[in-house]
């Protein structure tokens, strides 16, 4: 078994451990944010953590009413033109906490007097040193190059921060069900075989989601690129319909992420459009498959806002299956290392 597949399987345990951990770091962060009453949140991240930031944008805006923007780190390093962050909370998400540009966003924000928070898997990292508040990611050491448990741990910590900012018994109860939802996702590995077979000969595909699962589409697209060497066009359904759908021709593979909620009608419209173009549609979702292609039904028992956690696990399993089918070692993607330093 690859390290990648081994660490995929660790995620229910990691989620349970995070949920059982003392909540003081998040309570401290929530208190600091409430005291500062910021105009919004600016999030700095790279790679998979950038997709966790997209999830945070949807969750913190929808549940907590906080406008969220993603930072442009090169403005702080290469251009040396940082914006005024004094009215914002600045959150950085990074597994290793070592990327120079992400660290510099937080360091500059702290110089300006912003509330600064580092969500990192390494409390001794440069990022942790730069921030006023540190939230340990809590995933444990991740050895495979493609992120698995650090990604879902990031989503879970963001959800717990949202809960700390706006307490809700219903949302707390839903969070308690996350480990079981991840176990249910892991149990779908055999059901993914038709999807692996459908995508086995593909060299490119589109991965589409909307709302909370835009982050999932971006993350699964990244996994398929780095772990299975597919060229993945990962988009919001809305943006895909505004132009990129022109690439769809008969037999073109499209992976659709569909969760019950306000996006369902849009997903149904997309399915009809793709069917008309004779695309090869595969679905990960909690409802009927889009189109007539293979799909995996994920019984999560979770509200739409938390479905990105089990859906990400299914996407990781799909990547592991495709990597095995193509004789690719997902632990050592071409030209990649575990820690990437950007500036």
Protein backbone atom coordinates (compact mmCIF):
# COMPACT_ATOMS: atom_id res chain seq x y z
CA UNK A 1 0.00 0.00 0.00
CA UNK A 2 1.30 3.45 -0.89
CA UNK A 3 1.77 6.08 1.81
CA UNK A 4 -0.84 8.09 -0.08
CA UNK A 5 -3.45 5.35 0.29
CA UNK A 6 -2.41 4.64 3.88
CA UNK A 7 -2.89 8.27 4.89
CA UNK A 8 -6.25 8.45 3.11
CA UNK A 9 -7.38 5.71 5.47
CA UNK A 10 -6.25 7.62 8.56
CA UNK A 11 -8.70 10.49 8.13
CA UNK A 12 -11.61 9.27 10.28
CA UNK A 13 -9.19 8.77 13.18
CA UNK A 14 -7.64 12.20 12.59
CA UNK A 15 -11.08 13.83 12.54
CA UNK A 16 -12.07 12.10 15.76
CA UNK A 17 -8.87 13.23 17.42
CA UNK A 18 -9.40 16.85 16.32
CA UNK A 19 -12.97 16.88 17.57
CA UNK A 20 -11.89 15.45 20.93
CA UNK A 21 -9.05 17.94 21.43
CA UNK A 22 -9.38 20.87 23.84
CA UNK A 23 -10.86 23.90 22.10
CA UNK A 24 -8.79 26.64 23.77
CA UNK A 25 -6.79 27.74 20.67
CA UNK A 26 -9.94 28.22 18.60
CA UNK A 27 -11.79 29.87 21.49
CA UNK A 28 -8.88 32.30 21.87
CA UNK A 29 -8.92 33.10 18.15
CA UNK A 30 -12.69 33.58 18.11
CA UNK A 31 -12.48 35.94 21.10
CA UNK A 32 -9.73 37.98 19.41
CA UNK A 33 -11.76 38.24 16.20
CA UNK A 34 -14.90 39.30 18.05
CA UNK A 35 -12.94 41.91 20.03
CA UNK A 36 -11.39 43.36 16.86
CA UNK A 37 -14.71 43.31 14.96
CA UNK A 38 -12.90 43.18 11.60
CA UNK A 39 -14.44 44.21 8.30
CA UNK A 40 -13.58 40.77 6.98
CA UNK A 41 -10.99 38.02 6.73
CA UNK A 42 -8.05 37.78 4.34
CA UNK A 43 -6.66 34.26 3.86
CA UNK A 44 -3.16 33.43 2.62
CA UNK A 45 -2.44 29.91 1.36
CA UNK A 46 -0.89 27.85 -1.44
CA UNK A 47 -1.68 24.50 -3.05
CA UNK A 48 -4.24 22.34 -1.26
CA UNK A 49 -4.38 24.93 1.51
CA UNK A 50 -5.60 27.44 -1.08
CA UNK A 51 -8.56 25.14 -1.70
CA UNK A 52 -9.21 24.97 2.04
CA UNK A 53 -9.25 28.78 1.88
CA UNK A 54 -11.95 28.65 -0.81
CA UNK A 55 -13.99 26.42 1.51
CA UNK A 56 -13.39 28.90 4.35
CA UNK A 57 -14.67 31.72 2.15
CA UNK A 58 -18.01 29.98 1.63
CA UNK A 59 -18.38 28.82 5.23
CA UNK A 60 -17.32 32.01 7.03
CA UNK A 61 -19.43 34.17 4.74
CA UNK A 62 -22.52 31.94 4.92
CA UNK A 63 -22.42 31.01 8.62
CA UNK A 64 -20.65 33.97 10.18
CA UNK A 65 -21.39 36.88 7.84
CA UNK A 66 -17.69 37.68 7.49
CA UNK A 67 -16.59 38.78 4.00
CA UNK A 68 -13.55 36.73 2.96
CA UNK A 69 -10.87 37.53 0.39
CA UNK A 70 -7.91 35.44 -0.70
CA UNK A 71 -4.57 37.21 -0.41
CA UNK A 72 -2.22 37.80 -3.35
CA UNK A 73 1.06 36.86 -1.60
CA UNK A 74 3.32 38.09 -4.41
CA UNK A 75 2.20 41.64 -3.60
CA UNK A 76 3.96 41.21 -0.26
CA UNK A 77 7.16 39.68 -1.64
CA UNK A 78 7.90 40.24 -5.33
CA UNK A 79 6.01 43.52 -5.81
CA UNK A 80 6.52 44.82 -2.27
CA UNK A 81 3.16 46.60 -2.39
CA UNK A 82 1.16 45.11 0.50
CA UNK A 83 -2.40 46.39 0.92
CA UNK A 84 -3.78 48.00 4.06
CA UNK A 85 -4.89 45.12 6.29
CA UNK A 86 -5.59 47.03 9.50
CA UNK A 87 -9.36 46.42 9.38
CA UNK A 88 -9.04 42.71 8.64
CA UNK A 89 -8.31 39.45 10.38
CA UNK A 90 -5.56 37.64 8.46
CA UNK A 91 -5.60 33.85 8.47
CA UNK A 92 -2.88 31.71 6.92
CA UNK A 93 -3.39 28.01 6.17
CA UNK A 94 -0.26 25.94 5.57
CA UNK A 95 0.65 22.33 6.28
CA UNK A 96 4.38 23.00 6.70
CA UNK A 97 4.20 26.70 7.53
CA UNK A 98 7.37 27.30 5.53
CA UNK A 99 6.37 29.12 2.34
CA UNK A 100 8.04 32.52 2.36
CA UNK A 101 5.20 34.42 0.69
CA UNK A 102 2.50 33.09 3.03
CA UNK A 103 4.68 33.86 6.06
CA UNK A 104 5.27 37.40 4.80
CA UNK A 105 1.53 38.08 4.44
CA UNK A 106 1.06 37.24 8.12
CA UNK A 107 4.19 39.10 9.25
CA UNK A 108 3.12 42.26 7.42
CA UNK A 109 -0.43 42.01 8.75
CA UNK A 110 0.89 41.70 12.28
CA UNK A 111 3.11 44.75 11.75
CA UNK A 112 -0.01 46.63 10.72
CA UNK A 113 -1.87 45.55 13.86
CA UNK A 114 -4.25 42.99 12.34
CA UNK A 115 -5.47 39.92 14.18
CA UNK A 116 -3.22 37.22 12.71
CA UNK A 117 -3.90 33.48 12.84
CA UNK A 118 -1.79 30.57 11.58
CA UNK A 119 -3.45 27.21 10.95
CA UNK A 120 -0.47 24.91 10.49
CA UNK A 121 0.63 21.35 11.09
CA UNK A 122 4.00 22.57 12.45
CA UNK A 123 3.69 24.79 15.55
CA UNK A 124 7.47 25.42 15.35
CA UNK A 125 7.31 26.71 11.77
CA UNK A 126 8.18 30.22 10.55
CA UNK A 127 4.46 30.81 9.94
CA UNK A 128 3.59 29.95 13.53
CA UNK A 129 6.30 32.34 14.74
CA UNK A 130 4.93 35.14 12.54
CA UNK A 131 1.31 34.93 13.77
CA UNK A 132 -0.12 36.16 17.05
CA UNK A 133 -2.39 33.12 17.30
CA UNK A 134 -1.63 29.54 16.28
CA UNK A 135 -4.16 26.76 15.68
CA UNK A 136 -2.46 23.35 15.32
CA UNK A 137 -3.84 21.48 12.31
CA UNK A 138 -3.75 18.25 14.29
CA UNK A 139 -3.38 15.78 11.42
CA UNK A 140 -0.14 14.17 12.56
CA UNK A 141 2.85 13.75 10.27
CA UNK A 142 1.91 13.46 6.61
CA UNK A 143 4.57 11.67 4.55
CA UNK A 144 3.07 11.32 1.08
CA UNK A 145 3.57 14.30 -1.23
CA UNK A 146 -0.13 14.77 -2.17
CA UNK A 147 -2.06 16.20 0.77
CA UNK A 148 -4.79 14.00 2.21
CA UNK A 149 -5.33 14.21 5.95
CA UNK A 150 -3.84 17.71 6.20
CA UNK A 151 -6.48 18.90 3.73
CA UNK A 152 -9.47 17.45 5.54
CA UNK A 153 -7.97 18.50 8.89
CA UNK A 154 -7.79 22.08 7.56
CA UNK A 155 -11.46 21.99 6.53
CA UNK A 156 -12.46 20.59 9.91
CA UNK A 157 -10.49 23.25 11.80
CA UNK A 158 -12.09 25.98 9.67
CA UNK A 159 -15.52 24.54 10.49
CA UNK A 160 -14.65 24.48 14.20
CA UNK A 161 -13.53 28.11 14.00
CA UNK A 162 -16.85 28.96 12.38
CA UNK A 163 -18.64 27.17 15.22
CA UNK A 164 -16.57 29.04 17.82
CA UNK A 165 -17.51 32.34 16.21
CA UNK A 166 -21.21 31.48 15.87
CA UNK A 167 -22.22 28.63 18.21
CA UNK A 168 -25.00 26.33 17.03
CA UNK A 169 -26.10 23.02 18.58
CA UNK A 170 -27.18 21.76 15.15
CA UNK A 171 -23.84 22.54 13.51
CA UNK A 172 -21.95 21.08 16.49
CA UNK A 173 -23.98 17.87 16.19
CA UNK A 174 -23.25 17.71 12.46
CA UNK A 175 -19.52 18.13 13.10
CA UNK A 176 -19.62 15.22 15.52
CA UNK A 177 -20.83 13.03 12.64
CA UNK A 178 -17.84 13.85 10.40
CA UNK A 179 -15.65 10.86 11.40
CA UNK A 180 -18.46 8.44 10.55
CA UNK A 181 -19.07 10.22 7.23
CA UNK A 182 -15.37 9.80 6.41
CA UNK A 183 -15.56 6.11 7.24
CA UNK A 184 -18.58 5.80 4.94
CA UNK A 185 -16.59 7.48 2.17
CA UNK A 186 -13.71 5.04 2.63
CA UNK A 187 -16.13 2.14 2.29
CA UNK A 188 -16.91 3.23 -1.29
CA UNK A 189 -13.54 2.20 -2.70
CA UNK A 190 -14.92 -0.86 -4.52
CA UNK A 191 -17.80 1.20 -5.94
CA UNK A 192 -15.24 3.52 -7.54
CA UNK A 193 -13.94 0.79 -9.84
CA UNK A 194 -16.39 1.62 -12.68
CA UNK A 195 -15.37 5.28 -12.37
CA UNK A 196 -11.69 4.33 -12.52
CA UNK A 197 -12.45 2.21 -15.58
CA UNK A 198 -14.39 5.06 -17.21
CA UNK A 199 -11.49 7.46 -16.71
CA UNK A 200 -8.69 4.94 -17.18
CA UNK A 201 -7.80 6.01 -20.72
CA UNK A 202 -8.42 9.72 -20.25
CA UNK A 203 -5.65 12.28 -20.49
CA UNK A 204 -7.82 15.28 -19.61
CA UNK A 205 -11.14 15.97 -17.94
CA UNK A 206 -13.20 18.67 -16.27
CA UNK A 207 -13.96 18.57 -12.53
CA UNK A 208 -16.97 20.69 -11.60
CA UNK A 209 -18.58 21.76 -8.35
CA UNK A 210 -20.42 24.73 -6.96
CA UNK A 211 -20.89 26.43 -3.62
CA UNK A 212 -19.06 24.67 -0.82
CA UNK A 213 -17.87 21.99 -3.25
CA UNK A 214 -16.09 24.39 -5.56
CA UNK A 215 -13.22 23.84 -3.12
CA UNK A 216 -13.63 20.09 -3.57
CA UNK A 217 -13.53 20.37 -7.35
CA UNK A 218 -10.31 22.37 -7.14
CA UNK A 219 -8.76 19.90 -4.70
CA UNK A 220 -9.76 16.76 -6.61
CA UNK A 221 -8.51 18.37 -9.81
CA UNK A 222 -5.14 18.95 -8.15
CA UNK A 223 -5.04 15.38 -6.85
CA UNK A 224 -5.74 13.96 -10.31
CA UNK A 225 -2.99 16.09 -11.81
CA UNK A 226 -0.27 15.35 -9.26
CA UNK A 227 -1.24 11.76 -8.45
CA UNK A 228 -2.58 10.37 -11.74
CA UNK A 229 -1.13 12.81 -14.33
CA UNK A 230 -4.49 13.83 -15.81
CA UNK A 231 -4.90 17.38 -17.08
CA UNK A 232 -7.84 18.57 -14.96
CA UNK A 233 -9.87 21.70 -15.67
CA UNK A 234 -11.37 22.34 -12.22
CA UNK A 235 -14.07 24.99 -12.18
CA UNK A 236 -17.24 26.31 -10.68
CA UNK A 237 -20.22 25.09 -12.69
CA UNK A 238 -21.23 28.71 -13.25
CA UNK A 239 -17.82 29.65 -14.65
CA UNK A 240 -17.68 26.49 -16.76
CA UNK A 241 -20.97 27.38 -18.42
CA UNK A 242 -19.59 30.84 -19.22
CA UNK A 243 -17.00 29.56 -21.68
CA UNK A 244 -14.92 26.47 -20.88
CA UNK A 245 -17.86 24.19 -21.75
CA UNK A 246 -16.76 24.72 -25.35
CA UNK A 247 -14.08 22.05 -24.78
CA UNK A 248 -16.75 19.37 -24.26
CA UNK A 249 -17.13 17.02 -27.21
CA UNK A 250 -18.58 13.51 -27.49
CA UNK A 251 -16.83 11.25 -25.00
CA UNK A 252 -15.14 14.09 -23.09
CA UNK A 253 -14.99 13.07 -19.39
CA UNK A 254 -16.57 15.35 -16.79
CA UNK A 255 -16.51 14.64 -13.05
CA UNK A 256 -19.44 16.35 -11.31
CA UNK A 257 -19.64 16.93 -7.55
CA UNK A 258 -23.25 17.24 -6.52
CA UNK A 259 -24.55 17.86 -2.98
CA UNK A 260 -28.20 18.38 -2.10
CA UNK A 261 -28.86 22.06 -1.52
CA UNK A 262 -29.35 25.34 -3.36
CA UNK A 263 -26.98 24.23 -6.13
CA UNK A 264 -29.03 21.15 -7.08
CA UNK A 265 -31.10 22.83 -9.79
CA UNK A 266 -27.95 24.22 -11.42
CA UNK A 267 -26.39 20.75 -11.35
CA UNK A 268 -29.45 19.26 -13.04
CA UNK A 269 -29.24 21.91 -15.77
CA UNK A 270 -25.56 21.12 -16.22
CA UNK A 271 -26.31 17.39 -16.52
CA UNK A 272 -28.83 18.06 -19.29
CA UNK A 273 -26.35 20.25 -21.14
CA UNK A 274 -23.55 17.69 -20.87
CA UNK A 275 -25.87 14.90 -21.94
CA UNK A 276 -26.78 16.90 -25.03
CA UNK A 277 -23.11 17.22 -25.85
CA UNK A 278 -22.61 13.45 -25.36
CA UNK A 279 -20.04 13.96 -22.61
CA UNK A 280 -18.92 11.02 -20.45
CA UNK A 281 -20.26 12.19 -17.08
CA UNK A 282 -19.23 10.61 -13.77
CA UNK A 283 -20.72 11.77 -10.49
CA UNK A 284 -19.76 11.98 -6.84
CA UNK A 285 -22.82 13.03 -4.86
CA UNK A 286 -25.60 12.29 -2.43
CA UNK A 287 -28.35 12.18 -5.06
CA UNK A 288 -29.00 10.44 -8.39
CA UNK A 289 -26.08 10.33 -10.82
CA UNK A 290 -25.92 13.18 -13.31
CA UNK A 291 -26.50 11.80 -16.79
CA UNK A 292 -26.24 8.09 -17.50
CA UNK A 293 -22.57 7.52 -16.65
CA UNK A 294 -21.07 5.79 -13.62
CA UNK A 295 -21.22 7.49 -10.28
CA UNK A 296 -20.73 7.06 -6.56
CA UNK A 297 -23.49 7.89 -4.13
CA UNK A 298 -22.06 9.21 -0.87
CA UNK A 299 -24.40 8.79 2.10
CA UNK A 300 -22.84 11.42 4.35
CA UNK A 301 -25.60 12.28 6.81
CA UNK A 302 -24.11 15.78 6.78
CA UNK A 303 -25.41 19.21 5.78
CA UNK A 304 -24.13 20.52 2.45
CA UNK A 305 -21.63 22.76 4.25
CA UNK A 306 -19.72 19.71 5.54
CA UNK A 307 -19.95 17.45 2.48
CA UNK A 308 -16.57 18.68 1.17
CA UNK A 309 -14.87 16.48 3.79
CA UNK A 310 -16.19 13.06 2.67
CA UNK A 311 -16.27 14.13 -0.98
CA UNK A 312 -12.56 14.95 -0.78
CA UNK A 313 -11.88 11.46 0.57
CA UNK A 314 -13.75 9.90 -2.37
CA UNK A 315 -11.69 12.05 -4.74
CA UNK A 316 -8.49 10.88 -3.07
CA UNK A 317 -9.56 7.24 -3.43
CA UNK A 318 -10.32 7.86 -7.11
CA UNK A 319 -6.83 9.29 -7.57
CA UNK A 320 -5.27 6.30 -5.80
CA UNK A 321 -7.22 3.94 -8.04
CA UNK A 322 -6.21 5.74 -11.21
CA UNK A 323 -2.57 5.91 -10.07
CA UNK A 324 -2.56 2.16 -9.51
CA UNK A 325 -4.21 1.52 -12.88
CA UNK A 326 -1.55 3.64 -14.59
CA UNK A 327 1.39 2.21 -12.59
CA UNK A 328 2.13 5.65 -11.09
CA UNK A 329 3.67 6.00 -7.64
CA UNK A 330 1.49 8.68 -5.99
CA UNK A 331 4.02 9.10 -3.17
CA UNK A 332 6.60 10.50 -5.60
CA UNK A 333 4.90 12.67 -8.22
CA UNK A 334 7.21 13.87 -10.98
CA UNK A 335 9.14 16.99 -10.04
CA UNK A 336 7.40 17.50 -6.69
CA UNK A 337 8.53 17.52 -3.07
CA UNK A 338 6.49 17.47 0.13
CA UNK A 339 7.31 21.08 1.00
CA UNK A 340 7.24 23.67 -1.78
CA UNK A 341 8.72 27.09 -1.03
CA UNK A 342 7.30 30.02 -3.01
CA UNK A 343 7.92 33.72 -2.67
